[in-house]
Protein backbone atom coordinates (compact mmCIF):
# COMPACT_ATOMS: atom_id res chain seq x y z
CA MET A 1 74.31 102.84 89.01
CA ASN A 2 75.52 105.98 90.94
CA PRO A 3 73.76 106.87 94.34
CA ARG A 4 72.22 109.85 94.59
CA ARG A 5 74.76 112.46 96.51
CA ALA A 6 73.37 114.13 99.61
CA PHE A 7 74.70 117.56 100.92
CA THR A 8 77.17 117.08 103.43
CA LEU A 9 76.86 118.78 107.14
CA ILE A 10 79.34 121.46 106.13
CA GLU A 11 77.46 122.23 102.94
CA LEU A 12 74.49 122.62 104.96
CA LEU A 13 76.02 125.07 107.48
CA VAL A 14 77.68 127.20 104.62
CA VAL A 15 74.17 127.47 103.04
CA ILE A 16 72.45 128.46 106.70
CA ALA A 17 75.37 130.84 107.16
CA ILE A 18 74.60 132.47 103.77
CA ILE A 19 70.85 132.88 104.59
CA ALA A 20 71.85 134.30 108.27
CA ILE A 21 74.10 136.99 106.35
CA LEU A 22 71.17 137.90 103.59
CA ALA A 23 68.87 137.91 106.45
CA ALA A 24 70.92 140.20 109.05
CA LEU A 25 71.49 142.64 105.54
CA LEU A 26 67.85 142.90 104.79
CA LEU A 27 66.12 143.14 107.96
CA PRO A 28 67.32 146.67 108.77
CA ALA A 29 66.30 147.79 105.36
CA LEU A 30 62.72 146.32 105.82
CA ALA A 31 62.42 147.94 109.24
CA ALA A 32 63.43 151.33 107.50
CA ALA A 33 60.95 150.77 104.92
CA LYS A 34 58.14 150.11 107.42
CA LYS A 35 59.16 153.29 109.36
CA ARG A 36 59.20 155.27 106.32
CA ALA A 37 55.77 154.13 105.51
CA GLN A 38 54.25 154.67 108.96
CA THR A 39 55.80 158.14 108.96
CA ILE A 40 53.82 158.73 105.32
CA ASN A 41 50.72 157.35 106.78
CA CYS A 42 50.78 159.76 109.55
CA VAL A 43 51.62 162.57 107.19
CA SER A 44 48.53 161.60 105.29
CA ASN A 45 46.45 161.34 108.56
CA LEU A 46 47.31 165.13 109.16
CA LYS A 47 46.56 166.22 105.72
CA GLN A 48 43.02 164.82 106.38
CA LEU A 49 42.96 166.64 109.37
CA GLY A 50 44.10 169.76 107.69
CA VAL A 51 41.54 169.30 105.04
CA ALA A 52 38.61 169.01 107.79
CA GLN A 53 39.79 172.20 109.60
CA LEU A 54 40.30 174.63 106.41
CA LEU A 55 36.47 172.97 105.73
CA TYR A 56 35.47 174.18 109.20
CA VAL A 57 37.31 177.62 109.00
CA SER A 58 35.26 178.18 105.83
CA ASP A 59 31.95 177.49 107.33
CA ASN A 60 32.83 179.35 110.62
CA GLN A 61 33.47 182.99 109.36
CA GLU A 62 37.51 182.12 109.24
CA THR A 63 37.66 181.37 112.74
CA PHE A 64 39.70 178.44 114.02
CA PRO A 65 38.07 175.08 115.94
CA TYR A 66 36.50 176.67 119.04
CA SER A 67 33.89 174.97 121.42
CA GLY A 68 34.35 177.60 124.39
CA ASP A 69 35.88 175.20 126.20
CA ASN A 70 39.40 175.38 127.65
CA PHE A 71 42.35 173.35 128.27
CA TRP A 72 42.30 169.95 128.21
CA LEU A 73 38.71 169.55 126.91
CA MET A 74 39.20 171.48 123.65
CA PRO A 75 42.06 169.86 122.31
CA LEU A 76 41.25 166.15 123.61
CA LEU A 77 37.67 166.06 123.54
CA ASP A 78 35.84 168.94 121.44
CA LEU A 79 38.08 168.98 118.39
CA PRO A 80 37.20 165.67 117.35
CA ASN A 81 33.65 166.17 117.53
CA LEU A 82 34.08 170.03 115.91
CA LEU A 83 35.75 168.17 112.80
CA ASN A 84 33.50 165.30 112.56
CA PRO A 85 31.09 166.70 110.18
CA TYR A 86 34.19 166.92 107.56
CA ILE A 87 35.24 163.39 108.39
CA SER A 88 33.41 160.29 107.62
CA THR A 89 32.62 158.18 110.80
CA ASN A 90 34.35 155.23 108.64
CA ASN A 91 37.53 157.13 108.78
CA ARG A 92 38.35 157.65 112.31
CA ALA A 93 41.58 155.77 111.77
CA CYS A 94 42.92 159.27 110.52
CA PHE A 95 42.97 160.61 114.26
CA ARG A 96 45.33 157.94 115.27
CA CYS A 97 49.50 157.65 114.12
CA PRO A 98 50.07 154.10 113.26
CA VAL A 99 52.83 153.71 115.48
CA ASP A 100 51.14 155.34 118.79
CA THR A 101 51.14 152.55 120.90
CA GLY A 102 48.74 152.01 124.05
CA ALA A 103 45.41 153.58 124.21
CA GLY A 104 46.33 156.55 122.51
CA PHE A 105 47.67 160.09 123.02
CA ASN A 106 44.46 161.79 124.39
CA TYR A 107 43.56 158.85 126.69
CA ARG A 108 46.54 158.70 128.12
CA PHE A 109 46.76 162.66 128.81
CA ALA A 110 43.50 162.37 130.35
CA ALA A 111 44.14 159.45 132.49
CA GLN A 112 47.51 161.11 133.42
CA TRP A 113 46.35 164.84 134.43
CA GLY A 114 43.11 164.09 135.97
CA PRO A 115 39.37 164.76 135.35
CA GLU A 116 38.48 168.39 135.09
CA ASN A 117 35.23 170.26 134.58
CA GLY A 118 33.35 166.98 135.49
CA LYS A 119 34.97 164.97 132.47
CA THR A 120 37.36 161.88 132.26
CA ALA A 121 38.95 159.78 129.83
CA SER A 122 35.78 157.87 129.33
CA ASN A 123 34.12 160.93 127.70
CA ILE A 124 36.40 160.69 125.09
CA PRO A 125 34.94 159.47 121.92
CA PHE A 126 37.99 157.81 120.47
CA ALA A 127 41.85 157.40 120.62
CA CYS A 128 43.69 160.62 118.57
CA SER A 129 47.40 161.16 118.70
CA TYR A 130 47.31 164.66 117.32
CA TYR A 131 47.14 167.79 119.91
CA TYR A 132 45.93 170.88 119.03
CA TYR A 133 47.73 174.11 120.52
CA LEU A 134 46.03 176.34 123.01
CA CYS A 135 47.10 179.60 121.24
CA PHE A 136 44.49 178.56 118.48
CA TYR A 137 41.49 178.38 120.83
CA GLY A 138 42.77 180.31 123.99
CA ASP A 139 44.48 182.95 126.23
CA LEU A 140 47.88 183.49 124.78
CA THR A 141 49.43 184.81 128.17
CA PRO A 142 51.73 182.09 129.47
CA PRO A 143 50.99 180.61 132.76
CA GLU A 144 52.83 181.92 135.66
CA ASN A 145 53.58 179.40 138.72
CA GLY A 146 52.00 176.80 136.64
CA ASN A 147 48.91 177.93 136.19
CA MET A 148 46.81 177.74 133.07
CA PRO A 149 45.39 180.56 131.48
CA ASN A 150 41.54 180.05 132.01
CA ASP A 151 39.88 181.97 129.28
CA PRO A 152 38.69 180.55 125.83
CA ILE A 153 39.08 183.02 122.95
CA PRO A 154 38.50 182.40 119.39
CA HIS A 155 41.04 183.25 117.11
CA LYS A 156 41.01 184.03 113.26
CA THR A 157 43.10 183.01 110.38
CA SER A 158 43.90 186.64 109.91
CA GLU A 159 45.77 186.50 113.19
CA VAL A 160 48.50 184.22 111.38
CA THR A 161 51.31 185.82 109.58
CA TYR A 162 53.07 182.63 108.51
CA ALA A 163 50.27 180.14 107.78
CA SER A 164 52.78 177.67 105.92
CA GLN A 165 55.16 177.77 108.70
CA ARG A 166 53.02 178.09 111.77
CA VAL A 167 52.46 174.47 113.44
CA ILE A 168 48.81 173.95 114.43
CA GLN A 169 48.63 170.28 115.33
CA PRO A 170 51.53 167.97 116.11
CA CYS A 171 51.89 164.16 116.54
CA PHE A 172 52.56 163.29 119.79
CA ALA A 173 52.43 159.68 119.40
CA SER A 174 54.58 157.43 121.91
CA GLN A 175 56.47 154.50 121.35
CA ASN A 176 55.76 153.74 125.20
CA ALA A 177 52.78 151.34 125.70
CA THR A 178 52.88 151.92 129.69
CA GLY A 179 51.27 155.36 129.34
CA SER A 180 54.07 157.96 129.41
CA LEU A 181 53.44 161.06 127.08
CA PHE A 182 55.68 162.56 124.55
CA PHE A 183 55.37 166.40 124.20
CA PHE A 184 57.76 168.13 121.65
CA ASP A 185 58.64 170.91 124.30
CA GLN A 186 62.74 170.91 124.01
CA ASN A 187 64.89 170.40 121.36
CA PRO A 188 66.24 167.52 121.49
CA PRO A 189 62.85 166.12 122.95
CA GLY A 190 62.06 164.14 125.71
CA GLY A 191 60.06 160.99 126.46
CA GLU A 192 59.76 158.48 123.55
CA PRO A 193 58.68 159.76 120.35
CA ALA A 194 57.34 157.75 117.86
CA HIS A 195 58.78 159.27 114.97
CA GLY A 196 62.56 159.04 116.61
CA ASP A 197 64.94 161.55 117.89
CA SER A 198 65.54 163.34 114.37
CA GLY A 199 62.09 165.06 113.64
CA ILE A 200 58.57 165.29 114.36
CA ASN A 201 55.06 165.01 112.18
CA PHE A 202 53.53 168.61 111.93
CA LEU A 203 50.01 170.01 110.52
CA PHE A 204 50.29 173.44 109.44
CA VAL A 205 47.60 176.34 109.21
CA ASP A 206 47.68 176.61 105.47
CA GLY A 207 46.52 172.56 105.55
CA HIS A 208 49.96 170.96 104.46
CA ALA A 209 51.70 168.28 106.81
CA GLN A 210 55.20 167.06 106.56
CA PHE A 211 58.13 165.61 108.49
CA THR A 212 60.02 168.18 110.07
CA PRO A 213 63.59 167.95 111.44
CA TYR A 214 64.25 168.97 115.09
CA SER A 215 66.78 170.98 113.73
CA SER A 216 64.41 173.29 111.89
CA CYS A 217 62.09 174.17 114.86
CA GLN A 218 62.27 177.44 116.26
CA PRO A 219 61.72 178.31 119.73
CA ASN A 220 58.44 179.99 120.71
CA SER A 221 58.73 183.79 121.72
CA ALA A 222 56.98 182.99 125.18
CA ALA A 223 59.96 181.47 126.67
CA PRO A 224 61.22 181.78 129.08
CA LEU A 225 58.88 184.13 130.47
CA SER A 226 57.36 181.11 132.80
CA TRP A 227 57.78 177.59 133.30
CA VAL A 228 56.92 177.15 129.54
CA GLN A 229 59.61 175.49 127.27
CA ASP A 230 61.20 176.91 124.30
CA TYR A 231 59.21 174.44 121.74
CA ASN A 232 56.09 174.38 123.52
CA TYR A 233 53.79 176.04 120.89
CA ASP A 234 50.62 176.22 123.34
CA TRP A 235 52.29 179.75 124.05
CA SER A 236 53.65 180.59 120.67
CA PRO A 237 51.94 183.86 119.39
CA LEU A 238 49.99 183.11 116.28
CA THR A 239 52.92 185.63 114.35
CA ASP A 240 55.84 183.46 115.32
CA GLN A 241 57.53 180.93 112.50
CA ASN A 242 57.56 177.65 114.11
CA VAL A 243 59.61 176.21 111.29
CA GLN A 244 62.49 177.63 109.19
């Protein structure tokens, strides 16, 4: 009778080496697939917010979401409340990007910049990764000497010339869990953008959302009149084209 032949040490090492090589080849592909899936999920969130905004505009005489509050209360506190009737209370996950680490952009912003008008981060109802540009609810005059314009002004859809190219909400999700913020104010961007250094997810006035390369973004016409950086669309007039 022939005894059963076992694997030799060399054969085992060869098998382990082959498995390691295959893993090294597959892991980057899996990581890239995960990143693409998260980007698609974020774009889907923005599309849902776009539908909610279009419904709001239709119910409010073609006026963009407006509460009478100014920065920072309107984009971080009031907007989710204004859109809440158009979004199921069970679907609040659409307000948060899947790669936004930590507490969420709105909480981190409020905590970093401090309370205003008697409100604090504790008044924010839930985490949100998506900003709402000031030019849709406030004074378009660029700030001088770092002072924010303090006059909330409602704006109508008729003021927007390029609805399919005009950014209304960006994803400001950050990969940094320690509390630092990401803003797309310059190209290339500073901070730690969750979607990488090549592009950003945008929601446009016409309701569509997409991943947009930074190279396709256009500077706003307000810079360099003040400390506003070229790609800060808070002070980009509604007639500007933000994306080529």
